[in-house]
Amino acid sequence: MKKLAVFALLLSPFGLAQANCLGEAQIIAKVSEVTNYSITTCKVAIDSSSIKHYSSSMTCPLDIDEVLANGISVGYINGHDCPVGRGDSISGIVVKDARGNLYLE
């Protein structure tokens, strides 16, 4: 019984972490289009032919079709400049938030 209680305590953080996870994937791709999205982010679009690497999380998968359809929000630098332009490469982790927006970390 004691072993079961210890085992349950060890696994509980993993269950909580997964409950908050809405989707993640590692990506390397070229930007096909950039648009101003909000006062803090620009949105980049990619097309399937420009993807060099895409690896969806095993515990919190993010479908590539969702990334292609919705684009990825990227935070401005210097308050108003998008850090990437058309033809630039992006690399990082794409994360889906509670509102369904995709962000590059």
C-alpha atoms as a PDB file:
ATOM      1  CA  MET A   1       0.000   0.000   0.000  1.00  0.00           C
ATOM      2  CA  LYS A   2       2.843   2.355   0.869  1.00  0.00           C
ATOM      3  CA  LYS A   3       4.489   1.693  -2.508  1.00  0.00           C
ATOM      4  CA  LEU A   4       1.241   2.466  -4.306  1.00  0.00           C
ATOM      5  CA  ALA A   5       0.921   5.816  -2.514  1.00  0.00           C
ATOM      6  CA  VAL A   6       4.508   6.771  -3.397  1.00  0.00           C
ATOM      7  CA  PHE A   7       3.967   5.733  -7.016  1.00  0.00           C
ATOM      8  CA  ALA A   8       0.786   7.834  -7.248  1.00  0.00           C
ATOM      9  CA  LEU A   9       2.595  10.876  -5.829  1.00  0.00           C
ATOM     10  CA  LEU A  10       5.419  10.489  -8.330  1.00  0.00           C
ATOM     11  CA  LEU A  11       3.038  10.361 -11.286  1.00  0.00           C
ATOM     12  CA  SER A  12       0.733  13.197 -10.222  1.00  0.00           C
ATOM     13  CA  PRO A  13       2.885  16.062 -11.641  1.00  0.00           C
ATOM     14  CA  PHE A  14       2.829  14.413 -15.069  1.00  0.00           C
ATOM     15  CA  GLY A  15      -0.955  14.274 -15.096  1.00  0.00           C
ATOM     16  CA  LEU A  16      -1.231  17.937 -14.126  1.00  0.00           C
ATOM     17  CA  ALA A  17       1.311  19.037 -16.726  1.00  0.00           C
ATOM     18  CA  GLN A  18      -0.509  17.194 -19.470  1.00  0.00           C
ATOM     19  CA  ALA A  19      -3.880  18.632 -18.431  1.00  0.00           C
ATOM     20  CA  ASN A  20      -2.588  22.169 -19.125  1.00  0.00           C
ATOM     21  CA  CYS A  21      -1.023  21.204 -22.431  1.00  0.00           C
ATOM     22  CA  LEU A  22      -2.977  22.090 -25.575  1.00  0.00           C
ATOM     23  CA  GLY A  23      -0.372  21.329 -28.244  1.00  0.00           C
ATOM     24  CA  GLU A  24       3.358  21.644 -28.899  1.00  0.00           C
ATOM     25  CA  ALA A  25       5.713  20.932 -31.768  1.00  0.00           C
ATOM     26  CA  GLN A  26       9.286  21.686 -32.751  1.00  0.00           C
ATOM     27  CA  ILE A  27       9.602  23.389 -36.140  1.00  0.00           C
ATOM     28  CA  ILE A  28      12.196  24.628 -38.615  1.00  0.00           C
ATOM     29  CA  ALA A  29      10.687  26.282 -41.691  1.00  0.00           C
ATOM     30  CA  LYS A  30      10.881  29.275 -44.023  1.00  0.00           C
ATOM     31  CA  VAL A  31       8.373  32.095 -43.686  1.00  0.00           C
ATOM     32  CA  SER A  32       6.123  32.575 -46.716  1.00  0.00           C
ATOM     33  CA  GLU A  33       4.148  35.600 -45.450  1.00  0.00           C
ATOM     34  CA  VAL A  34       4.202  38.065 -42.542  1.00  0.00           C
ATOM     35  CA  THR A  35       1.240  40.142 -41.331  1.00  0.00           C
ATOM     36  CA  ASN A  36       0.701  42.455 -38.360  1.00  0.00           C
ATOM     37  CA  TYR A  37      -1.538  40.576 -35.966  1.00  0.00           C
ATOM     38  CA  SER A  38      -1.882  42.603 -32.778  1.00  0.00           C
ATOM     39  CA  ILE A  39      -0.111  45.396 -30.936  1.00  0.00           C
ATOM     40  CA  THR A  40       2.421  42.888 -29.579  1.00  0.00           C
ATOM     41  CA  THR A  41       2.760  40.204 -32.263  1.00  0.00           C
ATOM     42  CA  CYS A  42       3.066  39.602 -35.965  1.00  0.00           C
ATOM     43  CA  LYS A  43       1.762  36.430 -37.581  1.00  0.00           C
ATOM     44  CA  VAL A  44       3.898  34.344 -39.912  1.00  0.00           C
ATOM     45  CA  ALA A  45       2.585  31.875 -42.432  1.00  0.00           C
ATOM     46  CA  ILE A  46       4.497  28.890 -43.721  1.00  0.00           C
ATOM     47  CA  ASP A  47       3.718  26.485 -46.512  1.00  0.00           C
ATOM     48  CA  SER A  48       4.277  22.758 -46.408  1.00  0.00           C
ATOM     49  CA  SER A  49       7.131  22.798 -48.932  1.00  0.00           C
ATOM     50  CA  SER A  50       9.208  25.103 -46.711  1.00  0.00           C
ATOM     51  CA  ILE A  51       9.182  22.840 -43.644  1.00  0.00           C
ATOM     52  CA  LYS A  52      12.620  21.371 -42.991  1.00  0.00           C
ATOM     53  CA  HIS A  53      11.733  19.777 -39.657  1.00  0.00           C
ATOM     54  CA  TYR A  54       8.485  19.223 -37.757  1.00  0.00           C
ATOM     55  CA  SER A  55       8.267  17.088 -34.649  1.00  0.00           C
ATOM     56  CA  SER A  56       5.024  17.048 -32.706  1.00  0.00           C
ATOM     57  CA  SER A  57       5.200  16.441 -28.969  1.00  0.00           C
ATOM     58  CA  MET A  58       4.491  12.858 -27.953  1.00  0.00           C
ATOM     59  CA  THR A  59       2.617  13.889 -24.799  1.00  0.00           C
ATOM     60  CA  CYS A  60       0.918  17.001 -26.183  1.00  0.00           C
ATOM     61  CA  PRO A  61       0.692  16.758 -29.994  1.00  0.00           C
ATOM     62  CA  LEU A  62       0.056  19.686 -32.338  1.00  0.00           C
ATOM     63  CA  ASP A  63      -1.134  18.761 -35.814  1.00  0.00           C
ATOM     64  CA  ILE A  64       0.869  20.252 -38.670  1.00  0.00           C
ATOM     65  CA  ASP A  65      -2.336  21.069 -40.568  1.00  0.00           C
ATOM     66  CA  GLU A  66      -3.355  23.408 -37.741  1.00  0.00           C
ATOM     67  CA  VAL A  67      -0.028  25.237 -37.997  1.00  0.00           C
ATOM     68  CA  LEU A  68      -0.343  25.561 -41.780  1.00  0.00           C
ATOM     69  CA  ALA A  69      -3.948  26.799 -41.576  1.00  0.00           C
ATOM     70  CA  ASN A  70      -3.586  29.285 -38.687  1.00  0.00           C
ATOM     71  CA  GLY A  71      -0.030  30.599 -38.873  1.00  0.00           C
ATOM     72  CA  ILE A  72       2.258  31.294 -35.929  1.00  0.00           C
ATOM     73  CA  SER A  73       2.332  34.437 -33.775  1.00  0.00           C
ATOM     74  CA  VAL A  74       5.776  35.890 -33.113  1.00  0.00           C
ATOM     75  CA  GLY A  75       6.460  38.664 -30.592  1.00  0.00           C
ATOM     76  CA  TYR A  76       7.681  42.041 -31.836  1.00  0.00           C
ATOM     77  CA  ILE A  77      11.146  43.331 -31.022  1.00  0.00           C
ATOM     78  CA  ASN A  78      11.731  47.004 -30.146  1.00  0.00           C
ATOM     79  CA  GLY A  79       7.995  47.303 -29.550  1.00  0.00           C
ATOM     80  CA  HIS A  80       6.916  47.289 -33.202  1.00  0.00           C
ATOM     81  CA  ASP A  81       9.318  45.309 -35.429  1.00  0.00           C
ATOM     82  CA  CYS A  82       8.595  41.754 -36.502  1.00  0.00           C
ATOM     83  CA  PRO A  83      11.814  39.771 -35.997  1.00  0.00           C
ATOM     84  CA  VAL A  84      11.310  37.725 -39.192  1.00  0.00           C
ATOM     85  CA  GLY A  85      10.488  38.535 -42.785  1.00  0.00           C
ATOM     86  CA  ARG A  86       9.411  36.642 -45.864  1.00  0.00           C
ATOM     87  CA  GLY A  87      12.026  34.027 -46.755  1.00  0.00           C
ATOM     88  CA  ASP A  88      13.594  34.002 -43.273  1.00  0.00           C
ATOM     89  CA  SER A  89      13.822  30.769 -41.330  1.00  0.00           C
ATOM     90  CA  ILE A  90      12.024  30.241 -38.043  1.00  0.00           C
ATOM     91  CA  SER A  91      13.137  27.688 -35.505  1.00  0.00           C
ATOM     92  CA  GLY A  92      11.672  26.843 -32.130  1.00  0.00           C
ATOM     93  CA  ILE A  93       8.752  25.348 -30.279  1.00  0.00           C
ATOM     94  CA  VAL A  94       5.217  26.166 -31.433  1.00  0.00           C
ATOM     95  CA  VAL A  95       2.811  26.226 -28.474  1.00  0.00           C
ATOM     96  CA  LYS A  96      -0.993  26.409 -28.571  1.00  0.00           C
ATOM     97  CA  ASP A  97      -2.588  28.608 -25.892  1.00  0.00           C
ATOM     98  CA  ALA A  98      -6.027  28.367 -24.266  1.00  0.00           C
ATOM     99  CA  ARG A  99      -7.567  30.657 -26.921  1.00  0.00           C
ATOM    100  CA  GLY A 100      -6.266  28.458 -29.737  1.00  0.00           C
ATOM    101  CA  ASN A 101      -3.479  30.835 -30.818  1.00  0.00           C
ATOM    102  CA  LEU A 102      -0.136  29.379 -31.848  1.00  0.00           C
ATOM    103  CA  TYR A 103       3.032  31.050 -30.549  1.00  0.00           C
ATOM    104  CA  LEU A 104       6.711  30.500 -31.305  1.00  0.00           C
ATOM    105  CA  GLU A 105       8.866  30.088 -28.214  1.00  0.00           C
END
